[in-house]
Amino acid sequence: MKTKTYFSVILLFSSLLLSNSLLAQGNGLAGITEATQMITSYFDPASKLIYAIGAVVGLIGGVKIYHKFSSGDPDTSKTAASWFGACIFLIVSATILRSFFL
């Protein structure tokens, strides 16, 4: 029992002495700054991609709504609202993500 206690005390002190030499060099500010710059550089292309996807969704939705309206489908307003809502969601989500992270 006494040897276990002695061994644990030696292990504790040796780990405390060695922990000073294991500290990271510097404060890591350069790495954090570089990572932030890399992440923020992706937002402009990603926002433009989301806007382009929103435009394509809007065009497809417009064609589908026109087809339903021309055929006399009574469900045209529901379809128009859902496609319009999808386009608005894409535009607003891109804008909110950009303003939230930048």
PDB file of N, CA and C in Angstrom:
ATOM      1  N   MET A   1       0.833  -1.181   0.000  1.00  0.00           N
ATOM      2  CA  MET A   1       0.000   0.000   0.000  1.00  0.00           C
ATOM      3  C   MET A   1       0.876   1.242   0.000  1.00  0.00           C
ATOM      4  N   LYS A   2       1.956   1.167   0.759  1.00  0.00           N
ATOM      5  CA  LYS A   2       2.843   2.311   0.875  1.00  0.00           C
ATOM      6  C   LYS A   2       3.570   2.577  -0.438  1.00  0.00           C
ATOM      7  N   THR A   3       3.869   1.540  -1.187  1.00  0.00           N
ATOM      8  CA  THR A   3       4.572   1.723  -2.457  1.00  0.00           C
ATOM      9  C   THR A   3       3.663   2.354  -3.507  1.00  0.00           C
ATOM     10  N   LYS A   4       2.368   2.048  -3.453  1.00  0.00           N
ATOM     11  CA  LYS A   4       1.425   2.677  -4.393  1.00  0.00           C
ATOM     12  C   LYS A   4       1.331   4.171  -4.135  1.00  0.00           C
ATOM     13  N   THR A   5       1.273   4.576  -2.893  1.00  0.00           N
ATOM     14  CA  THR A   5       1.209   5.992  -2.550  1.00  0.00           C
ATOM     15  C   THR A   5       2.491   6.695  -2.954  1.00  0.00           C
ATOM     16  N   TYR A   6       3.617   6.064  -2.681  1.00  0.00           N
ATOM     17  CA  TYR A   6       4.916   6.637  -3.031  1.00  0.00           C
ATOM     18  C   TYR A   6       5.035   6.791  -4.554  1.00  0.00           C
ATOM     19  N   PHE A   7       4.603   5.773  -5.272  1.00  0.00           N
ATOM     20  CA  PHE A   7       4.651   5.808  -6.727  1.00  0.00           C
ATOM     21  C   PHE A   7       3.743   6.904  -7.291  1.00  0.00           C
ATOM     22  N   SER A   8       2.550   7.074  -6.731  1.00  0.00           N
ATOM     23  CA  SER A   8       1.622   8.097  -7.226  1.00  0.00           C
ATOM     24  C   SER A   8       2.139   9.508  -6.929  1.00  0.00           C
ATOM     25  N   VAL A   9       2.812   9.700  -5.789  1.00  0.00           N
ATOM     26  CA  VAL A   9       3.385  11.004  -5.465  1.00  0.00           C
ATOM     27  C   VAL A   9       4.523  11.331  -6.426  1.00  0.00           C
ATOM     28  N   ILE A  10       5.372  10.359  -6.719  1.00  0.00           N
ATOM     29  CA  ILE A  10       6.469  10.576  -7.670  1.00  0.00           C
ATOM     30  C   ILE A  10       5.905  10.880  -9.056  1.00  0.00           C
ATOM     31  N   LEU A  11       4.880  10.173  -9.470  1.00  0.00           N
ATOM     32  CA  LEU A  11       4.246  10.400 -10.761  1.00  0.00           C
ATOM     33  C   LEU A  11       3.628  11.793 -10.838  1.00  0.00           C
ATOM     34  N   LEU A  12       3.019  12.227  -9.768  1.00  0.00           N
ATOM     35  CA  LEU A  12       2.422  13.561  -9.724  1.00  0.00           C
ATOM     36  C   LEU A  12       3.481  14.644  -9.857  1.00  0.00           C
ATOM     37  N   PHE A  13       4.538  14.556  -9.090  1.00  0.00           N
ATOM     38  CA  PHE A  13       5.586  15.582  -9.145  1.00  0.00           C
ATOM     39  C   PHE A  13       6.317  15.575 -10.490  1.00  0.00           C
ATOM     40  N   SER A  14       6.535  14.404 -11.056  1.00  0.00           N
ATOM     41  CA  SER A  14       7.219  14.359 -12.349  1.00  0.00           C
ATOM     42  C   SER A  14       6.340  14.940 -13.450  1.00  0.00           C
ATOM     43  N   SER A  15       5.036  14.688 -13.371  1.00  0.00           N
ATOM     44  CA  SER A  15       4.155  15.269 -14.380  1.00  0.00           C
ATOM     45  C   SER A  15       4.067  16.785 -14.225  1.00  0.00           C
ATOM     46  N   LEU A  16       4.125  17.288 -13.005  1.00  0.00           N
ATOM     47  CA  LEU A  16       4.121  18.737 -12.797  1.00  0.00           C
ATOM     48  C   LEU A  16       5.406  19.377 -13.307  1.00  0.00           C
ATOM     49  N   LEU A  17       6.525  18.723 -13.112  1.00  0.00           N
ATOM     50  CA  LEU A  17       7.802  19.259 -13.589  1.00  0.00           C
ATOM     51  C   LEU A  17       7.903  19.219 -15.113  1.00  0.00           C
ATOM     52  N   LEU A  18       7.361  18.173 -15.727  1.00  0.00           N
ATOM     53  CA  LEU A  18       7.441  18.047 -17.171  1.00  0.00           C
ATOM     54  C   LEU A  18       6.399  18.902 -17.898  1.00  0.00           C
ATOM     55  N   SER A  19       5.363  19.298 -17.208  1.00  0.00           N
ATOM     56  CA  SER A  19       4.300  20.061 -17.869  1.00  0.00           C
ATOM     57  C   SER A  19       4.781  21.442 -18.311  1.00  0.00           C
ATOM     58  N   ASN A  20       5.754  22.006 -17.615  1.00  0.00           N
ATOM     59  CA  ASN A  20       6.276  23.315 -18.025  1.00  0.00           C
ATOM     60  C   ASN A  20       6.966  23.240 -19.379  1.00  0.00           C
ATOM     61  N   SER A  21       7.629  22.141 -19.683  1.00  0.00           N
ATOM     62  CA  SER A  21       8.324  22.028 -20.959  1.00  0.00           C
ATOM     63  C   SER A  21       7.376  21.662 -22.090  1.00  0.00           C
ATOM     64  N   LEU A  22       6.154  21.259 -21.787  1.00  0.00           N
ATOM     65  CA  LEU A  22       5.198  20.848 -22.810  1.00  0.00           C
ATOM     66  C   LEU A  22       4.261  21.971 -23.238  1.00  0.00           C
ATOM     67  N   LEU A  23       4.432  23.159 -22.719  1.00  0.00           N
ATOM     68  CA  LEU A  23       3.553  24.261 -23.084  1.00  0.00           C
ATOM     69  C   LEU A  23       3.764  24.648 -24.539  1.00  0.00           C
ATOM     70  N   ALA A  24       2.709  25.115 -25.182  1.00  0.00           N
ATOM     71  CA  ALA A  24       2.790  25.509 -26.588  1.00  0.00           C
ATOM     72  C   ALA A  24       3.615  26.774 -26.726  1.00  0.00           C
ATOM     73  N   GLN A  25       4.257  26.891 -27.851  1.00  0.00           N
ATOM     74  CA  GLN A  25       5.067  28.071 -28.117  1.00  0.00           C
ATOM     75  C   GLN A  25       4.159  29.210 -28.555  1.00  0.00           C
ATOM     76  N   GLY A  26       4.228  30.348 -27.920  1.00  0.00           N
ATOM     77  CA  GLY A  26       3.411  31.505 -28.264  1.00  0.00           C
ATOM     78  C   GLY A  26       1.991  31.340 -27.773  1.00  0.00           C
ATOM     79  N   ASN A  27       1.161  32.283 -28.184  1.00  0.00           N
ATOM     80  CA  ASN A  27      -0.227  32.232 -27.737  1.00  0.00           C
ATOM     81  C   ASN A  27      -1.179  31.763 -28.826  1.00  0.00           C
ATOM     82  N   GLY A  28      -0.681  31.420 -29.983  1.00  0.00           N
ATOM     83  CA  GLY A  28      -1.527  30.898 -31.047  1.00  0.00           C
ATOM     84  C   GLY A  28      -2.324  31.943 -31.776  1.00  0.00           C
ATOM     85  N   LEU A  29      -2.023  33.200 -31.556  1.00  0.00           N
ATOM     86  CA  LEU A  29      -2.779  34.273 -32.186  1.00  0.00           C
ATOM     87  C   LEU A  29      -2.615  34.268 -33.700  1.00  0.00           C
ATOM     88  N   ALA A  30      -1.434  33.960 -34.176  1.00  0.00           N
ATOM     89  CA  ALA A  30      -1.204  33.942 -35.620  1.00  0.00           C
ATOM     90  C   ALA A  30      -2.031  32.849 -36.289  1.00  0.00           C
ATOM     91  N   GLY A  31      -2.130  31.699 -35.667  1.00  0.00           N
ATOM     92  CA  GLY A  31      -2.927  30.605 -36.218  1.00  0.00           C
ATOM     93  C   GLY A  31      -4.412  30.915 -36.230  1.00  0.00           C
ATOM     94  N   ILE A  32      -4.885  31.531 -35.168  1.00  0.00           N
ATOM     95  CA  ILE A  32      -6.301  31.895 -35.101  1.00  0.00           C
ATOM     96  C   ILE A  32      -6.624  32.968 -36.135  1.00  0.00           C
ATOM     97  N   THR A  33      -5.722  33.928 -36.303  1.00  0.00           N
ATOM     98  CA  THR A  33      -5.937  34.983 -37.300  1.00  0.00           C
ATOM     99  C   THR A  33      -5.949  34.407 -38.710  1.00  0.00           C
ATOM    100  N   GLU A  34      -5.049  33.488 -38.983  1.00  0.00           N
ATOM    101  CA  GLU A  34      -5.005  32.870 -40.314  1.00  0.00           C
ATOM    102  C   GLU A  34      -6.258  32.042 -40.576  1.00  0.00           C
ATOM    103  N   ALA A  35      -6.725  31.296 -39.580  1.00  0.00           N
ATOM    104  CA  ALA A  35      -7.942  30.502 -39.744  1.00  0.00           C
ATOM    105  C   ALA A  35      -9.158  31.392 -39.963  1.00  0.00           C
ATOM    106  N   THR A  36      -9.232  32.492 -39.228  1.00  0.00           N
ATOM    107  CA  THR A  36     -10.345  33.427 -39.409  1.00  0.00           C
ATOM    108  C   THR A  36     -10.330  34.027 -40.804  1.00  0.00           C
ATOM    109  N   GLN A  37      -9.159  34.388 -41.276  1.00  0.00           N
ATOM    110  CA  GLN A  37      -9.042  34.969 -42.613  1.00  0.00           C
ATOM    111  C   GLN A  37      -9.428  33.946 -43.687  1.00  0.00           C
ATOM    112  N   MET A  38      -9.038  32.698 -43.501  1.00  0.00           N
ATOM    113  CA  MET A  38      -9.390  31.668 -44.474  1.00  0.00           C
ATOM    114  C   MET A  38     -10.896  31.426 -44.511  1.00  0.00           C
ATOM    115  N   ILE A  39     -11.517  31.378 -43.342  1.00  0.00           N
ATOM    116  CA  ILE A  39     -12.957  31.123 -43.289  1.00  0.00           C
ATOM    117  C   ILE A  39     -13.740  32.288 -43.877  1.00  0.00           C
ATOM    118  N   THR A  40     -13.356  33.513 -43.543  1.00  0.00           N
ATOM    119  CA  THR A  40     -14.089  34.665 -44.064  1.00  0.00           C
ATOM    120  C   THR A  40     -13.873  34.860 -45.555  1.00  0.00           C
ATOM    121  N   SER A  41     -12.797  34.319 -46.105  1.00  0.00           N
ATOM    122  CA  SER A  41     -12.596  34.444 -47.549  1.00  0.00           C
ATOM    123  C   SER A  41     -13.553  33.556 -48.333  1.00  0.00           C
ATOM    124  N   TYR A  42     -14.171  32.574 -47.683  1.00  0.00           N
ATOM    125  CA  TYR A  42     -15.112  31.687 -48.363  1.00  0.00           C
ATOM    126  C   TYR A  42     -16.527  32.261 -48.425  1.00  0.00           C
ATOM    127  N   PHE A  43     -16.824  33.307 -47.677  1.00  0.00           N
ATOM    128  CA  PHE A  43     -18.202  33.777 -47.597  1.00  0.00           C
ATOM    129  C   PHE A  43     -18.672  34.474 -48.867  1.00  0.00           C
ATOM    130  N   ASP A  44     -17.832  35.246 -49.524  1.00  0.00           N
ATOM    131  CA  ASP A  44     -18.261  35.909 -50.754  1.00  0.00           C
ATOM    132  C   ASP A  44     -18.613  34.910 -51.848  1.00  0.00           C
ATOM    133  N   PRO A  45     -17.744  33.929 -52.158  1.00  0.00           N
ATOM    134  CA  PRO A  45     -18.151  32.945 -53.171  1.00  0.00           C
ATOM    135  C   PRO A  45     -19.358  32.115 -52.752  1.00  0.00           C
ATOM    136  N   ALA A  46     -19.442  31.774 -51.472  1.00  0.00           N
ATOM    137  CA  ALA A  46     -20.588  30.980 -51.009  1.00  0.00           C
ATOM    138  C   ALA A  46     -21.885  31.780 -51.109  1.00  0.00           C
ATOM    139  N   SER A  47     -21.834  33.063 -50.779  1.00  0.00           N
ATOM    140  CA  SER A  47     -23.032  33.905 -50.893  1.00  0.00           C
ATOM    141  C   SER A  47     -23.468  34.024 -52.345  1.00  0.00           C
ATOM    142  N   LYS A  48     -22.507  34.211 -53.232  1.00  0.00           N
ATOM    143  CA  LYS A  48     -22.852  34.314 -54.661  1.00  0.00           C
ATOM    144  C   LYS A  48     -23.412  32.998 -55.180  1.00  0.00           C
ATOM    145  N   LEU A  49     -22.885  31.880 -54.698  1.00  0.00           N
ATOM    146  CA  LEU A  49     -23.414  30.575 -55.100  1.00  0.00           C
ATOM    147  C   LEU A  49     -24.844  30.392 -54.613  1.00  0.00           C
ATOM    148  N   ILE A  50     -25.129  30.806 -53.390  1.00  0.00           N
ATOM    149  CA  ILE A  50     -26.496  30.687 -52.866  1.00  0.00           C
ATOM    150  C   ILE A  50     -27.446  31.589 -53.636  1.00  0.00           C
ATOM    151  N   TYR A  51     -26.994  32.799 -54.004  1.00  0.00           N
ATOM    152  CA  TYR A  51     -27.833  33.683 -54.812  1.00  0.00           C
ATOM    153  C   TYR A  51     -28.096  33.073 -56.185  1.00  0.00           C
ATOM    154  N   ALA A  52     -27.099  32.439 -56.784  1.00  0.00           N
ATOM    155  CA  ALA A  52     -27.293  31.789 -58.086  1.00  0.00           C
ATOM    156  C   ALA A  52     -28.269  30.621 -57.976  1.00  0.00           C
ATOM    157  N   ILE A  53     -28.152  29.837 -56.915  1.00  0.00           N
ATOM    158  CA  ILE A  53     -29.100  28.734 -56.705  1.00  0.00           C
ATOM    159  C   ILE A  53     -30.506  29.282 -56.514  1.00  0.00           C
ATOM    160  N   GLY A  54     -30.629  30.393 -55.789  1.00  0.00           N
ATOM    161  CA  GLY A  54     -31.937  31.030 -55.615  1.00  0.00           C
ATOM    162  C   GLY A  54     -32.523  31.500 -56.925  1.00  0.00           C
ATOM    163  N   ALA A  55     -31.677  32.015 -57.830  1.00  0.00           N
ATOM    164  CA  ALA A  55     -32.162  32.458 -59.137  1.00  0.00           C
ATOM    165  C   ALA A  55     -32.650  31.273 -59.965  1.00  0.00           C
ATOM    166  N   VAL A  56     -31.916  30.169 -59.929  1.00  0.00           N
ATOM    167  CA  VAL A  56     -32.322  28.985 -60.684  1.00  0.00           C
ATOM    168  C   VAL A  56     -33.619  28.409 -60.111  1.00  0.00           C
ATOM    169  N   VAL A  57     -33.719  28.365 -58.798  1.00  0.00           N
ATOM    170  CA  VAL A  57     -34.952  27.884 -58.169  1.00  0.00           C
ATOM    171  C   VAL A  57     -36.124  28.793 -58.535  1.00  0.00           C
ATOM    172  N   GLY A  58     -35.879  30.094 -58.576  1.00  0.00           N
ATOM    173  CA  GLY A  58     -36.934  31.026 -58.964  1.00  0.00           C
ATOM    174  C   GLY A  58     -37.389  30.828 -60.400  1.00  0.00           C
ATOM    175  N   LEU A  59     -36.443  30.594 -61.304  1.00  0.00           N
ATOM    176  CA  LEU A  59     -36.814  30.358 -62.702  1.00  0.00           C
ATOM    177  C   LEU A  59     -37.595  29.056 -62.866  1.00  0.00           C
ATOM    178  N   ILE A  60     -37.129  28.015 -62.222  1.00  0.00           N
ATOM    179  CA  ILE A  60     -37.848  26.734 -62.300  1.00  0.00           C
ATOM    180  C   ILE A  60     -39.243  26.867 -61.693  1.00  0.00           C
ATOM    181  N   GLY A  61     -39.321  27.559 -60.570  1.00  0.00           N
ATOM    182  CA  GLY A  61     -40.622  27.768 -59.946  1.00  0.00           C
ATOM    183  C   GLY A  61     -41.556  28.586 -60.821  1.00  0.00           C
ATOM    184  N   GLY A  62     -40.998  29.604 -61.488  1.00  0.00           N
ATOM    185  CA  GLY A  62     -41.826  30.413 -62.386  1.00  0.00           C
ATOM    186  C   GLY A  62     -42.388  29.592 -63.537  1.00  0.00           C
ATOM    187  N   VAL A  63     -41.572  28.722 -64.099  1.00  0.00           N
ATOM    188  CA  VAL A  63     -42.042  27.868 -65.193  1.00  0.00           C
ATOM    189  C   VAL A  63     -43.106  26.897 -64.702  1.00  0.00           C
ATOM    190  N   LYS A  64     -42.899  26.300 -63.540  1.00  0.00           N
ATOM    191  CA  LYS A  64     -43.895  25.358 -63.001  1.00  0.00           C
ATOM    192  C   LYS A  64     -45.215  26.065 -62.680  1.00  0.00           C
ATOM    193  N   ILE A  65     -45.114  27.269 -62.132  1.00  0.00           N
ATOM    194  CA  ILE A  65     -46.332  28.015 -61.801  1.00  0.00           C
ATOM    195  C   ILE A  65     -47.073  28.417 -63.070  1.00  0.00           C
ATOM    196  N   TYR A  66     -46.321  28.838 -64.078  1.00  0.00           N
ATOM    197  CA  TYR A  66     -46.956  29.190 -65.350  1.00  0.00           C
ATOM    198  C   TYR A  66     -47.655  27.980 -65.963  1.00  0.00           C
ATOM    199  N   HIS A  67     -47.018  26.829 -65.897  1.00  0.00           N
ATOM    200  CA  HIS A  67     -47.625  25.608 -66.432  1.00  0.00           C
ATOM    201  C   HIS A  67     -48.906  25.256 -65.674  1.00  0.00           C
ATOM    202  N   LYS A  68     -48.882  25.363 -64.359  1.00  0.00           N
ATOM    203  CA  LYS A  68     -50.086  25.066 -63.567  1.00  0.00           C
ATOM    204  C   LYS A  68     -51.189  26.083 -63.845  1.00  0.00           C
ATOM    205  N   PHE A  69     -50.798  27.352 -63.969  1.00  0.00           N
ATOM    206  CA  PHE A  69     -51.791  28.392 -64.220  1.00  0.00           C
ATOM    207  C   PHE A  69     -52.420  28.210 -65.602  1.00  0.00           C
ATOM    208  N   SER A  70     -51.602  27.836 -66.590  1.00  0.00           N
ATOM    209  CA  SER A  70     -52.114  27.642 -67.951  1.00  0.00           C
ATOM    210  C   SER A  70     -53.032  26.435 -68.050  1.00  0.00           C
ATOM    211  N   SER A  71     -52.773  25.413 -67.266  1.00  0.00           N
ATOM    212  CA  SER A  71     -53.608  24.217 -67.325  1.00  0.00           C
ATOM    213  C   SER A  71     -54.877  24.352 -66.484  1.00  0.00           C
ATOM    214  N   GLY A  72     -54.996  25.436 -65.710  1.00  0.00           N
ATOM    215  CA  GLY A  72     -56.209  25.666 -64.934  1.00  0.00           C
ATOM    216  C   GLY A  72     -56.233  24.942 -63.605  1.00  0.00           C
ATOM    217  N   ASP A  73     -55.097  24.614 -63.080  1.00  0.00           N
ATOM    218  CA  ASP A  73     -55.012  23.921 -61.789  1.00  0.00           C
ATOM    219  C   ASP A  73     -55.442  24.872 -60.665  1.00  0.00           C
ATOM    220  N   PRO A  74     -56.353  24.467 -59.787  1.00  0.00           N
ATOM    221  CA  PRO A  74     -56.800  25.361 -58.709  1.00  0.00           C
ATOM    222  C   PRO A  74     -55.759  25.519 -57.587  1.00  0.00           C
ATOM    223  N   ASP A  75     -54.716  24.747 -57.631  1.00  0.00           N
ATOM    224  CA  ASP A  75     -53.701  24.752 -56.573  1.00  0.00           C
ATOM    225  C   ASP A  75     -52.530  25.685 -56.911  1.00  0.00           C
ATOM    226  N   THR A  76     -52.739  26.646 -57.809  1.00  0.00           N
ATOM    227  CA  THR A  76     -51.646  27.488 -58.301  1.00  0.00           C
ATOM    228  C   THR A  76     -51.110  28.419 -57.214  1.00  0.00           C
ATOM    229  N   SER A  77     -51.972  28.997 -56.415  1.00  0.00           N
ATOM    230  CA  SER A  77     -51.524  29.957 -55.404  1.00  0.00           C
ATOM    231  C   SER A  77     -50.666  29.277 -54.323  1.00  0.00           C
ATOM    232  N   LYS A  78     -51.013  28.051 -53.973  1.00  0.00           N
ATOM    233  CA  LYS A  78     -50.225  27.306 -52.988  1.00  0.00           C
ATOM    234  C   LYS A  78     -48.829  26.998 -53.541  1.00  0.00           C
ATOM    235  N   THR A  79     -48.764  26.608 -54.790  1.00  0.00           N
ATOM    236  CA  THR A  79     -47.475  26.318 -55.426  1.00  0.00           C
ATOM    237  C   THR A  79     -46.644  27.583 -55.549  1.00  0.00           C
ATOM    238  N   ALA A  80     -47.273  28.674 -55.916  1.00  0.00           N
ATOM    239  CA  ALA A  80     -46.552  29.949 -56.046  1.00  0.00           C
ATOM    240  C   ALA A  80     -45.995  30.390 -54.692  1.00  0.00           C
ATOM    241  N   ALA A  81     -46.779  30.235 -53.653  1.00  0.00           N
ATOM    242  CA  ALA A  81     -46.320  30.635 -52.317  1.00  0.00           C
ATOM    243  C   ALA A  81     -45.139  29.779 -51.859  1.00  0.00           C
ATOM    244  N   SER A  82     -45.181  28.484 -52.143  1.00  0.00           N
ATOM    245  CA  SER A  82     -44.084  27.620 -51.711  1.00  0.00           C
ATOM    246  C   SER A  82     -42.800  27.913 -52.482  1.00  0.00           C
ATOM    247  N   TRP A  83     -42.875  28.129 -53.791  1.00  0.00           N
ATOM    248  CA  TRP A  83     -41.668  28.447 -54.567  1.00  0.00           C
ATOM    249  C   TRP A  83     -41.133  29.822 -54.197  1.00  0.00           C
ATOM    250  N   PHE A  84     -42.022  30.775 -54.018  1.00  0.00           N
ATOM    251  CA  PHE A  84     -41.594  32.116 -53.629  1.00  0.00           C
ATOM    252  C   PHE A  84     -40.949  32.080 -52.243  1.00  0.00           C
ATOM    253  N   GLY A  85     -41.512  31.294 -51.335  1.00  0.00           N
ATOM    254  CA  GLY A  85     -40.933  31.153 -50.002  1.00  0.00           C
ATOM    255  C   GLY A  85     -39.559  30.508 -50.029  1.00  0.00           C
ATOM    256  N   ALA A  86     -39.365  29.547 -50.931  1.00  0.00           N
ATOM    257  CA  ALA A  86     -38.054  28.903 -51.050  1.00  0.00           C
ATOM    258  C   ALA A  86     -37.009  29.901 -51.535  1.00  0.00           C
ATOM    259  N   CYS A  87     -37.369  30.729 -52.501  1.00  0.00           N
ATOM    260  CA  CYS A  87     -36.425  31.737 -53.014  1.00  0.00           C
ATOM    261  C   CYS A  87     -36.094  32.766 -51.937  1.00  0.00           C
ATOM    262  N   ILE A  88     -37.087  33.231 -51.225  1.00  0.00           N
ATOM    263  CA  ILE A  88     -36.860  34.206 -50.158  1.00  0.00           C
ATOM    264  C   ILE A  88     -35.993  33.597 -49.056  1.00  0.00           C
ATOM    265  N   PHE A  89     -36.241  32.334 -48.721  1.00  0.00           N
ATOM    266  CA  PHE A  89     -35.431  31.672 -47.700  1.00  0.00           C
ATOM    267  C   PHE A  89     -33.958  31.616 -48.114  1.00  0.00           C
ATOM    268  N   LEU A  90     -33.680  31.274 -49.361  1.00  0.00           N
ATOM    269  CA  LEU A  90     -32.293  31.206 -49.817  1.00  0.00           C
ATOM    270  C   LEU A  90     -31.616  32.563 -49.740  1.00  0.00           C
ATOM    271  N   ILE A  91     -32.290  33.591 -50.167  1.00  0.00           N
ATOM    272  CA  ILE A  91     -31.696  34.936 -50.167  1.00  0.00           C
ATOM    273  C   ILE A  91     -31.480  35.428 -48.741  1.00  0.00           C
ATOM    274  N   VAL A  92     -32.477  35.244 -47.893  1.00  0.00           N
ATOM    275  CA  VAL A  92     -32.368  35.721 -46.514  1.00  0.00           C
ATOM    276  C   VAL A  92     -31.324  34.918 -45.736  1.00  0.00           C
ATOM    277  N   SER A  93     -31.269  33.606 -45.965  1.00  0.00           N
ATOM    278  CA  SER A  93     -30.280  32.802 -45.241  1.00  0.00           C
ATOM    279  C   SER A  93     -28.859  33.176 -45.646  1.00  0.00           C
ATOM    280  N   ALA A  94     -28.629  33.464 -46.919  1.00  0.00           N
ATOM    281  CA  ALA A  94     -27.297  33.890 -47.351  1.00  0.00           C
ATOM    282  C   ALA A  94     -26.933  35.225 -46.716  1.00  0.00           C
ATOM    283  N   THR A  95     -27.878  36.142 -46.663  1.00  0.00           N
ATOM    284  CA  THR A  95     -27.617  37.452 -46.076  1.00  0.00           C
ATOM    285  C   THR A  95     -27.377  37.349 -44.573  1.00  0.00           C
ATOM    286  N   ILE A  96     -28.166  36.544 -43.888  1.00  0.00           N
ATOM    287  CA  ILE A  96     -28.016  36.408 -42.443  1.00  0.00           C
ATOM    288  C   ILE A  96     -26.694  35.720 -42.103  1.00  0.00           C
ATOM    289  N   LEU A  97     -26.346  34.664 -42.836  1.00  0.00           N
ATOM    290  CA  LEU A  97     -25.078  33.991 -42.581  1.00  0.00           C
ATOM    291  C   LEU A  97     -23.893  34.941 -42.788  1.00  0.00           C
ATOM    292  N   ARG A  98     -23.969  35.746 -43.834  1.00  0.00           N
ATOM    293  CA  ARG A  98     -22.890  36.698 -44.106  1.00  0.00           C
ATOM    294  C   ARG A  98     -22.792  37.736 -42.994  1.00  0.00           C
ATOM    295  N   SER A  99     -23.921  38.274 -42.557  1.00  0.00           N
ATOM    296  CA  SER A  99     -23.876  39.302 -41.506  1.00  0.00           C
ATOM    297  C   SER A  99     -23.541  38.694 -40.141  1.00  0.00           C
ATOM    298  N   PHE A 100     -23.877  37.427 -39.932  1.00  0.00           N
ATOM    299  CA  PHE A 100     -23.593  36.790 -38.654  1.00  0.00           C
ATOM    300  C   PHE A 100     -22.109  36.486 -38.486  1.00  0.00           C
ATOM    301  N   PHE A 101     -21.461  36.023 -39.543  1.00  0.00           N
ATOM    302  CA  PHE A 101     -20.077  35.608 -39.440  1.00  0.00           C
ATOM    303  C   PHE A 101     -19.069  36.681 -39.815  1.00  0.00           C
ATOM    304  N   LEU A 102     -19.479  37.727 -40.494  1.00  0.00           N
ATOM    305  CA  LEU A 102     -18.505  38.767 -40.883  1.00  0.00           C
ATOM    306  C   LEU A 102     -18.689  40.024 -40.105  1.00  0.00           C
TER     307      LEU A 102
END
